[in-house]
Amino acid sequence: MKTPYQHLTILAPVIIKEYIKDFDAQPGTAYAGIKMWATDMDEAVDMAESIGAQTGFVINGRIEIYKTDPVQPPGDEPYAYDINFSYYKE
């Protein structure tokens, strides 16, 4: 399937301010993993920051972006999926 989007995975340290029901995520420090279809890496960063602002986490460090194989097919618009958190102690 031809698509104008590329499949990317973002890894970023985050602070989860309060419980996020949609992700069953407890407050704390974690690395967020987010798979997405995006136009480019800049859009991917914008999408990750927007998801954080809408759901209750803040990116607080260096964002790593990798081109990865998709698990879900591209859509008509850019989208993110399979958002998960791996917690760590500072």
PDB file of N, CA and C in Angstrom:
ATOM      1  N   MET A   1       0.843  -1.182   0.000  1.00  0.00           N
ATOM      2  CA  MET A   1       0.000   0.000   0.000  1.00  0.00           C
ATOM      3  C   MET A   1       0.885   1.242   0.000  1.00  0.00           C
ATOM      4  N   LYS A   2       0.628   2.148  -0.893  1.00  0.00           N
ATOM      5  CA  LYS A   2       1.385   3.394  -0.966  1.00  0.00           C
ATOM      6  C   LYS A   2       0.780   4.407   0.001  1.00  0.00           C
ATOM      7  N   THR A   3       1.661   5.066   0.749  1.00  0.00           N
ATOM      8  CA  THR A   3       1.200   6.041   1.734  1.00  0.00           C
ATOM      9  C   THR A   3       2.188   7.201   1.799  1.00  0.00           C
ATOM     10  N   PRO A   4       1.708   8.409   2.082  1.00  0.00           N
ATOM     11  CA  PRO A   4       2.621   9.539   2.238  1.00  0.00           C
ATOM     12  C   PRO A   4       3.287   9.552   3.620  1.00  0.00           C
ATOM     13  N   TYR A   5       2.923   8.590   4.487  1.00  0.00           N
ATOM     14  CA  TYR A   5       3.417   8.576   5.858  1.00  0.00           C
ATOM     15  C   TYR A   5       4.522   7.540   6.033  1.00  0.00           C
ATOM     16  N   GLN A   6       5.331   7.761   7.053  1.00  0.00           N
ATOM     17  CA  GLN A   6       6.338   6.775   7.420  1.00  0.00           C
ATOM     18  C   GLN A   6       6.014   6.259   8.816  1.00  0.00           C
ATOM     19  N   HIS A   7       6.385   4.999   9.051  1.00  0.00           N
ATOM     20  CA  HIS A   7       6.107   4.415  10.361  1.00  0.00           C
ATOM     21  C   HIS A   7       7.292   4.673  11.278  1.00  0.00           C
ATOM     22  N   LEU A   8       6.987   5.277  12.442  1.00  0.00           N
ATOM     23  CA  LEU A   8       8.024   5.660  13.394  1.00  0.00           C
ATOM     24  C   LEU A   8       7.648   5.173  14.792  1.00  0.00           C
ATOM     25  N   THR A   9       8.666   4.954  15.606  1.00  0.00           N
ATOM     26  CA  THR A   9       8.470   4.676  17.024  1.00  0.00           C
ATOM     27  C   THR A   9       9.249   5.707  17.811  1.00  0.00           C
ATOM     28  N   ILE A  10       8.573   6.320  18.768  1.00  0.00           N
ATOM     29  CA  ILE A  10       9.197   7.318  19.642  1.00  0.00           C
ATOM     30  C   ILE A  10       9.425   6.693  21.008  1.00  0.00           C
ATOM     31  N   LEU A  11      10.607   6.938  21.553  1.00  0.00           N
ATOM     32  CA  LEU A  11      10.916   6.600  22.946  1.00  0.00           C
ATOM     33  C   LEU A  11      11.315   7.896  23.624  1.00  0.00           C
ATOM     34  N   ALA A  12      10.674   8.193  24.761  1.00  0.00           N
ATOM     35  CA  ALA A  12      10.952   9.456  25.439  1.00  0.00           C
ATOM     36  C   ALA A  12      10.720   9.320  26.938  1.00  0.00           C
ATOM     37  N   PRO A  13      11.588   9.937  27.734  1.00  0.00           N
ATOM     38  CA  PRO A  13      11.327   9.964  29.168  1.00  0.00           C
ATOM     39  C   PRO A  13      10.180  10.931  29.449  1.00  0.00           C
ATOM     40  N   VAL A  14       9.285  10.503  30.334  1.00  0.00           N
ATOM     41  CA  VAL A  14       8.115  11.326  30.643  1.00  0.00           C
ATOM     42  C   VAL A  14       7.846  11.349  32.145  1.00  0.00           C
ATOM     43  N   ILE A  15       7.112  12.361  32.555  1.00  0.00           N
ATOM     44  CA  ILE A  15       6.568  12.423  33.900  1.00  0.00           C
ATOM     45  C   ILE A  15       5.052  12.326  33.752  1.00  0.00           C
ATOM     46  N   ILE A  16       4.485  11.321  34.400  1.00  0.00           N
ATOM     47  CA  ILE A  16       3.039  11.147  34.390  1.00  0.00           C
ATOM     48  C   ILE A  16       2.509  11.825  35.645  1.00  0.00           C
ATOM     49  N   LYS A  17       1.705  12.850  35.439  1.00  0.00           N
ATOM     50  CA  LYS A  17       1.257  13.695  36.549  1.00  0.00           C
ATOM     51  C   LYS A  17       0.200  13.027  37.424  1.00  0.00           C
ATOM     52  N   GLU A  18      -0.751  12.352  36.791  1.00  0.00           N
ATOM     53  CA  GLU A  18      -1.805  11.666  37.538  1.00  0.00           C
ATOM     54  C   GLU A  18      -2.258  10.474  36.717  1.00  0.00           C
ATOM     55  N   TYR A  19      -3.008   9.584  37.349  1.00  0.00           N
ATOM     56  CA  TYR A  19      -3.466   8.359  36.695  1.00  0.00           C
ATOM     57  C   TYR A  19      -4.102   8.661  35.339  1.00  0.00           C
ATOM     58  N   ILE A  20      -3.679   7.921  34.302  1.00  0.00           N
ATOM     59  CA  ILE A  20      -4.239   8.071  32.956  1.00  0.00           C
ATOM     60  C   ILE A  20      -5.057   6.815  32.658  1.00  0.00           C
ATOM     61  N   LYS A  21      -6.355   6.947  32.771  1.00  0.00           N
ATOM     62  CA  LYS A  21      -7.260   5.808  32.636  1.00  0.00           C
ATOM     63  C   LYS A  21      -7.120   5.108  31.288  1.00  0.00           C
ATOM     64  N   ASP A  22      -7.052   5.870  30.194  1.00  0.00           N
ATOM     65  CA  ASP A  22      -6.988   5.269  28.855  1.00  0.00           C
ATOM     66  C   ASP A  22      -5.799   4.331  28.681  1.00  0.00           C
ATOM     67  N   PHE A  23      -4.719   4.580  29.407  1.00  0.00           N
ATOM     68  CA  PHE A  23      -3.501   3.767  29.282  1.00  0.00           C
ATOM     69  C   PHE A  23      -3.234   2.938  30.537  1.00  0.00           C
ATOM     70  N   ASP A  24      -4.121   3.034  31.537  1.00  0.00           N
ATOM     71  CA  ASP A  24      -3.931   2.400  32.842  1.00  0.00           C
ATOM     72  C   ASP A  24      -2.528   2.725  33.369  1.00  0.00           C
ATOM     73  N   ALA A  25      -2.170   4.008  33.300  1.00  0.00           N
ATOM     74  CA  ALA A  25      -0.827   4.473  33.669  1.00  0.00           C
ATOM     75  C   ALA A  25      -0.861   5.220  34.990  1.00  0.00           C
ATOM     76  N   GLN A  26      -0.050   4.758  35.921  1.00  0.00           N
ATOM     77  CA  GLN A  26       0.054   5.368  37.235  1.00  0.00           C
ATOM     78  C   GLN A  26       0.992   6.576  37.184  1.00  0.00           C
ATOM     79  N   PRO A  27       0.856   7.519  38.122  1.00  0.00           N
ATOM     80  CA  PRO A  27       1.789   8.647  38.196  1.00  0.00           C
ATOM     81  C   PRO A  27       3.221   8.162  38.436  1.00  0.00           C
ATOM     82  N   GLY A  28       4.179   8.897  37.879  1.00  0.00           N
ATOM     83  CA  GLY A  28       5.583   8.568  38.095  1.00  0.00           C
ATOM     84  C   GLY A  28       6.439   8.919  36.898  1.00  0.00           C
ATOM     85  N   THR A  29       7.676   8.458  36.937  1.00  0.00           N
ATOM     86  CA  THR A  29       8.602   8.670  35.827  1.00  0.00           C
ATOM     87  C   THR A  29       8.669   7.389  35.007  1.00  0.00           C
ATOM     88  N   ALA A  30       8.670   7.551  33.706  1.00  0.00           N
ATOM     89  CA  ALA A  30       8.650   6.393  32.822  1.00  0.00           C
ATOM     90  C   ALA A  30       9.251   6.757  31.468  1.00  0.00           C
ATOM     91  N   TYR A  31       9.522   5.743  30.683  1.00  0.00           N
ATOM     92  CA  TYR A  31       9.808   5.940  29.266  1.00  0.00           C
ATOM     93  C   TYR A  31       8.524   5.617  28.521  1.00  0.00           C
ATOM     94  N   ALA A  32       8.114   6.515  27.652  1.00  0.00           N
ATOM     95  CA  ALA A  32       6.942   6.280  26.817  1.00  0.00           C
ATOM     96  C   ALA A  32       7.410   5.694  25.494  1.00  0.00           C
ATOM     97  N   GLY A  33       6.704   4.695  25.042  1.00  0.00           N
ATOM     98  CA  GLY A  33       6.906   4.131  23.714  1.00  0.00           C
ATOM     99  C   GLY A  33       5.644   4.376  22.916  1.00  0.00           C
ATOM    100  N   ILE A  34       5.785   5.025  21.769  1.00  0.00           N
ATOM    101  CA  ILE A  34       4.612   5.381  20.958  1.00  0.00           C
ATOM    102  C   ILE A  34       4.904   5.018  19.501  1.00  0.00           C
ATOM    103  N   LYS A  35       4.078   4.156  18.937  1.00  0.00           N
ATOM    104  CA  LYS A  35       4.181   3.834  17.514  1.00  0.00           C
ATOM    105  C   LYS A  35       3.259   4.780  16.770  1.00  0.00           C
ATOM    106  N   MET A  36       3.680   5.183  15.573  1.00  0.00           N
ATOM    107  CA  MET A  36       2.830   6.119  14.837  1.00  0.00           C
ATOM    108  C   MET A  36       3.137   6.129  13.348  1.00  0.00           C
ATOM    109  N   TRP A  37       2.135   6.566  12.619  1.00  0.00           N
ATOM    110  CA  TRP A  37       2.280   6.924  11.216  1.00  0.00           C
ATOM    111  C   TRP A  37       2.304   8.447  11.170  1.00  0.00           C
ATOM    112  N   ALA A  38       3.372   9.010  10.630  1.00  0.00           N
ATOM    113  CA  ALA A  38       3.527  10.465  10.582  1.00  0.00           C
ATOM    114  C   ALA A  38       4.181  10.863   9.269  1.00  0.00           C
ATOM    115  N   THR A  39       4.004  12.122   8.896  1.00  0.00           N
ATOM    116  CA  THR A  39       4.610  12.637   7.671  1.00  0.00           C
ATOM    117  C   THR A  39       6.126  12.665   7.772  1.00  0.00           C
ATOM    118  N   ASP A  40       6.618  13.112   8.936  1.00  0.00           N
ATOM    119  CA  ASP A  40       8.069  13.191   9.142  1.00  0.00           C
ATOM    120  C   ASP A  40       8.355  13.197  10.646  1.00  0.00           C
ATOM    121  N   MET A  41       9.622  13.285  11.000  1.00  0.00           N
ATOM    122  CA  MET A  41      10.006  13.229  12.409  1.00  0.00           C
ATOM    123  C   MET A  41       9.511  14.442  13.202  1.00  0.00           C
ATOM    124  N   ASP A  42       9.465  15.609  12.574  1.00  0.00           N
ATOM    125  CA  ASP A  42       8.940  16.795  13.268  1.00  0.00           C
ATOM    126  C   ASP A  42       7.478  16.596  13.645  1.00  0.00           C
ATOM    127  N   GLU A  43       6.696  16.064  12.720  1.00  0.00           N
ATOM    128  CA  GLU A  43       5.295  15.809  13.019  1.00  0.00           C
ATOM    129  C   GLU A  43       5.167  14.761  14.126  1.00  0.00           C
ATOM    130  N   ALA A  44       6.033  13.763  14.123  1.00  0.00           N
ATOM    131  CA  ALA A  44       6.005  12.734  15.160  1.00  0.00           C
ATOM    132  C   ALA A  44       6.221  13.343  16.543  1.00  0.00           C
ATOM    133  N   VAL A  45       7.169  14.253  16.673  1.00  0.00           N
ATOM    134  CA  VAL A  45       7.416  14.935  17.948  1.00  0.00           C
ATOM    135  C   VAL A  45       6.186  15.748  18.343  1.00  0.00           C
ATOM    136  N   ASP A  46       5.638  16.495  17.397  1.00  0.00           N
ATOM    137  CA  ASP A  46       4.432  17.284  17.677  1.00  0.00           C
ATOM    138  C   ASP A  46       3.289  16.388  18.156  1.00  0.00           C
ATOM    139  N   MET A  47       3.123  15.242  17.515  1.00  0.00           N
ATOM    140  CA  MET A  47       2.057  14.318  17.900  1.00  0.00           C
ATOM    141  C   MET A  47       2.286  13.788  19.317  1.00  0.00           C
ATOM    142  N   ALA A  48       3.520  13.414  19.647  1.00  0.00           N
ATOM    143  CA  ALA A  48       3.818  12.892  20.982  1.00  0.00           C
ATOM    144  C   ALA A  48       3.550  13.951  22.048  1.00  0.00           C
ATOM    145  N   GLU A  49       3.978  15.180  21.784  1.00  0.00           N
ATOM    146  CA  GLU A  49       3.741  16.260  22.744  1.00  0.00           C
ATOM    147  C   GLU A  49       2.247  16.533  22.900  1.00  0.00           C
ATOM    148  N   SER A  50       1.506  16.484  21.818  1.00  0.00           N
ATOM    149  CA  SER A  50       0.068  16.709  21.858  1.00  0.00           C
ATOM    150  C   SER A  50      -0.644  15.599  22.639  1.00  0.00           C
ATOM    151  N   ILE A  51      -0.252  14.372  22.416  1.00  0.00           N
ATOM    152  CA  ILE A  51      -0.844  13.247  23.158  1.00  0.00           C
ATOM    153  C   ILE A  51      -0.586  13.438  24.651  1.00  0.00           C
ATOM    154  N   GLY A  52       0.634  13.834  25.000  1.00  0.00           N
ATOM    155  CA  GLY A  52       0.958  14.080  26.404  1.00  0.00           C
ATOM    156  C   GLY A  52       0.103  15.175  26.998  1.00  0.00           C
ATOM    157  N   ALA A  53      -0.040  16.271  26.278  1.00  0.00           N
ATOM    158  CA  ALA A  53      -0.834  17.401  26.773  1.00  0.00           C
ATOM    159  C   ALA A  53      -2.306  17.010  26.955  1.00  0.00           C
ATOM    160  N   GLN A  54      -2.806  16.168  26.065  1.00  0.00           N
ATOM    161  CA  GLN A  54      -4.216  15.771  26.128  1.00  0.00           C
ATOM    162  C   GLN A  54      -4.488  14.715  27.195  1.00  0.00           C
ATOM    163  N   THR A  55      -3.468  13.913  27.534  1.00  0.00           N
ATOM    164  CA  THR A  55      -3.724  12.781  28.433  1.00  0.00           C
ATOM    165  C   THR A  55      -3.093  12.907  29.809  1.00  0.00           C
ATOM    166  N   GLY A  56      -2.047  13.732  29.977  1.00  0.00           N
ATOM    167  CA  GLY A  56      -1.510  13.927  31.312  1.00  0.00           C
ATOM    168  C   GLY A  56      -0.070  13.520  31.536  1.00  0.00           C
ATOM    169  N   PHE A  57       0.737  13.486  30.481  1.00  0.00           N
ATOM    170  CA  PHE A  57       2.163  13.287  30.706  1.00  0.00           C
ATOM    171  C   PHE A  57       2.952  14.381  30.000  1.00  0.00           C
ATOM    172  N   VAL A  58       4.171  14.600  30.498  1.00  0.00           N
ATOM    173  CA  VAL A  58       5.044  15.629  29.941  1.00  0.00           C
ATOM    174  C   VAL A  58       6.374  14.971  29.567  1.00  0.00           C
ATOM    175  N   ILE A  59       6.820  15.216  28.354  1.00  0.00           N
ATOM    176  CA  ILE A  59       8.133  14.730  27.936  1.00  0.00           C
ATOM    177  C   ILE A  59       9.178  15.587  28.628  1.00  0.00           C
ATOM    178  N   ASN A  60      10.131  14.936  29.300  1.00  0.00           N
ATOM    179  CA  ASN A  60      11.109  15.700  30.075  1.00  0.00           C
ATOM    180  C   ASN A  60      12.547  15.324  29.762  1.00  0.00           C
ATOM    181  N   GLY A  61      12.817  15.008  28.533  1.00  0.00           N
ATOM    182  CA  GLY A  61      14.175  14.656  28.148  1.00  0.00           C
ATOM    183  C   GLY A  61      14.284  14.465  26.650  1.00  0.00           C
ATOM    184  N   ARG A  62      15.357  13.836  26.263  1.00  0.00           N
ATOM    185  CA  ARG A  62      15.665  13.620  24.846  1.00  0.00           C
ATOM    186  C   ARG A  62      14.700  12.613  24.221  1.00  0.00           C
ATOM    187  N   ILE A  63      14.137  12.983  23.098  1.00  0.00           N
ATOM    188  CA  ILE A  63      13.230  12.113  22.354  1.00  0.00           C
ATOM    189  C   ILE A  63      14.043  11.340  21.317  1.00  0.00           C
ATOM    190  N   GLU A  64      13.882  10.021  21.336  1.00  0.00           N
ATOM    191  CA  GLU A  64      14.518   9.173  20.328  1.00  0.00           C
ATOM    192  C   GLU A  64      13.444   8.735  19.334  1.00  0.00           C
ATOM    193  N   ILE A  65      13.780   8.801  18.045  1.00  0.00           N
ATOM    194  CA  ILE A  65      12.823   8.430  17.001  1.00  0.00           C
ATOM    195  C   ILE A  65      13.478   7.407  16.088  1.00  0.00           C
ATOM    196  N   TYR A  66      12.762   6.321  15.849  1.00  0.00           N
ATOM    197  CA  TYR A  66      13.275   5.242  15.005  1.00  0.00           C
ATOM    198  C   TYR A  66      12.275   4.918  13.910  1.00  0.00           C
ATOM    199  N   LYS A  67      12.775   4.625  12.729  1.00  0.00           N
ATOM    200  CA  LYS A  67      11.929   4.086  11.667  1.00  0.00           C
ATOM    201  C   LYS A  67      11.772   2.604  11.968  1.00  0.00           C
ATOM    202  N   THR A  68      10.518   2.162  12.074  1.00  0.00           N
ATOM    203  CA  THR A  68      10.242   0.787  12.473  1.00  0.00           C
ATOM    204  C   THR A  68       9.200   0.159  11.557  1.00  0.00           C
ATOM    205  N   ASP A  69       9.127  -1.172  11.622  1.00  0.00           N
ATOM    206  CA  ASP A  69       8.109  -1.890  10.866  1.00  0.00           C
ATOM    207  C   ASP A  69       6.756  -1.707  11.547  1.00  0.00           C
ATOM    208  N   PRO A  70       5.717  -1.498  10.779  1.00  0.00           N
ATOM    209  CA  PRO A  70       4.395  -1.265  11.370  1.00  0.00           C
ATOM    210  C   PRO A  70       3.745  -2.541  11.887  1.00  0.00           C
ATOM    211  N   VAL A  71       2.891  -2.354  12.876  1.00  0.00           N
ATOM    212  CA  VAL A  71       2.024  -3.412  13.380  1.00  0.00           C
ATOM    213  C   VAL A  71       0.618  -3.187  12.828  1.00  0.00           C
ATOM    214  N   GLN A  72       0.263  -1.920  12.657  1.00  0.00           N
ATOM    215  CA  GLN A  72      -1.032  -1.555  12.087  1.00  0.00           C
ATOM    216  C   GLN A  72      -0.805  -0.833  10.762  1.00  0.00           C
ATOM    217  N   PRO A  73      -1.750  -0.937   9.844  1.00  0.00           N
ATOM    218  CA  PRO A  73      -1.591  -0.290   8.537  1.00  0.00           C
ATOM    219  C   PRO A  73      -1.770   1.224   8.635  1.00  0.00           C
ATOM    220  N   PRO A  74      -1.275   1.959   7.633  1.00  0.00           N
ATOM    221  CA  PRO A  74      -1.477   3.410   7.629  1.00  0.00           C
ATOM    222  C   PRO A  74      -2.950   3.737   7.423  1.00  0.00           C
ATOM    223  N   GLY A  75      -3.322   4.935   7.869  1.00  0.00           N
ATOM    224  CA  GLY A  75      -4.687   5.413   7.676  1.00  0.00           C
ATOM    225  C   GLY A  75      -4.696   6.566   6.705  1.00  0.00           C
ATOM    226  N   ASP A  76      -5.831   7.226   6.618  1.00  0.00           N
ATOM    227  CA  ASP A  76      -5.963   8.393   5.752  1.00  0.00           C
ATOM    228  C   ASP A  76      -5.273   9.616   6.347  1.00  0.00           C
ATOM    229  N   GLU A  77      -5.084   9.599   7.664  1.00  0.00           N
ATOM    230  CA  GLU A  77      -4.431  10.693   8.387  1.00  0.00           C
ATOM    231  C   GLU A  77      -3.345  10.107   9.283  1.00  0.00           C
ATOM    232  N   PRO A  78      -2.372  10.922   9.700  1.00  0.00           N
ATOM    233  CA  PRO A  78      -1.383  10.446  10.673  1.00  0.00           C
ATOM    234  C   PRO A  78      -2.091  10.025  11.965  1.00  0.00           C
ATOM    235  N   TYR A  79      -1.563   8.987  12.616  1.00  0.00           N
ATOM    236  CA  TYR A  79      -2.133   8.572  13.901  1.00  0.00           C
ATOM    237  C   TYR A  79      -1.103   7.808  14.715  1.00  0.00           C
ATOM    238  N   ALA A  80      -1.340   7.784  16.026  1.00  0.00           N
ATOM    239  CA  ALA A  80      -0.475   7.067  16.967  1.00  0.00           C
ATOM    240  C   ALA A  80      -1.246   5.891  17.555  1.00  0.00           C
ATOM    241  N   TYR A  81      -0.500   4.859  17.962  1.00  0.00           N
ATOM    242  CA  TYR A  81      -1.124   3.688  18.587  1.00  0.00           C
ATOM    243  C   TYR A  81      -0.097   2.975  19.462  1.00  0.00           C
ATOM    244  N   ASP A  82      -0.564   1.983  20.181  1.00  0.00           N
ATOM    245  CA  ASP A  82       0.289   1.148  21.026  1.00  0.00           C
ATOM    246  C   ASP A  82       1.170   1.995  21.959  1.00  0.00           C
ATOM    247  N   ILE A  83       0.526   2.879  22.693  1.00  0.00           N
ATOM    248  CA  ILE A  83       1.236   3.765  23.634  1.00  0.00           C
ATOM    249  C   ILE A  83       1.413   2.997  24.939  1.00  0.00           C
ATOM    250  N   ASN A  84       2.667   2.903  25.395  1.00  0.00           N
ATOM    251  CA  ASN A  84       2.915   2.185  26.646  1.00  0.00           C
ATOM    252  C   ASN A  84       4.004   2.889  27.445  1.00  0.00           C
ATOM    253  N   PHE A  85       4.092   2.530  28.714  1.00  0.00           N
ATOM    254  CA  PHE A  85       5.032   3.167  29.628  1.00  0.00           C
ATOM    255  C   PHE A  85       5.842   2.116  30.369  1.00  0.00           C
ATOM    256  N   SER A  86       7.147   2.346  30.457  1.00  0.00           N
ATOM    257  CA  SER A  86       8.049   1.516  31.265  1.00  0.00           C
ATOM    258  C   SER A  86       8.603   2.411  32.356  1.00  0.00           C
ATOM    259  N   TYR A  87       8.260   2.098  33.589  1.00  0.00           N
ATOM    260  CA  TYR A  87       8.608   2.969  34.726  1.00  0.00           C
ATOM    261  C   TYR A  87      10.046   2.772  35.177  1.00  0.00           C
ATOM    262  N   TYR A  88      10.619   3.831  35.755  1.00  0.00           N
ATOM    263  CA  TYR A  88      11.954   3.769  36.351  1.00  0.00           C
ATOM    264  C   TYR A  88      12.019   4.703  37.539  1.00  0.00           C
ATOM    265  N   LYS A  89      12.968   4.450  38.409  1.00  0.00           N
ATOM    266  CA  LYS A  89      13.205   5.313  39.580  1.00  0.00           C
ATOM    267  C   LYS A  89      14.346   6.245  39.255  1.00  0.00           C
ATOM    268  N   GLU A  90      14.225   7.512  39.674  1.00  0.00           N
ATOM    269  CA  GLU A  90      15.292   8.476  39.425  1.00  0.00           C
ATOM    270  C   GLU A  90      16.346   8.371  40.507  1.00  0.00           C
TER     271      GLU A  90
END
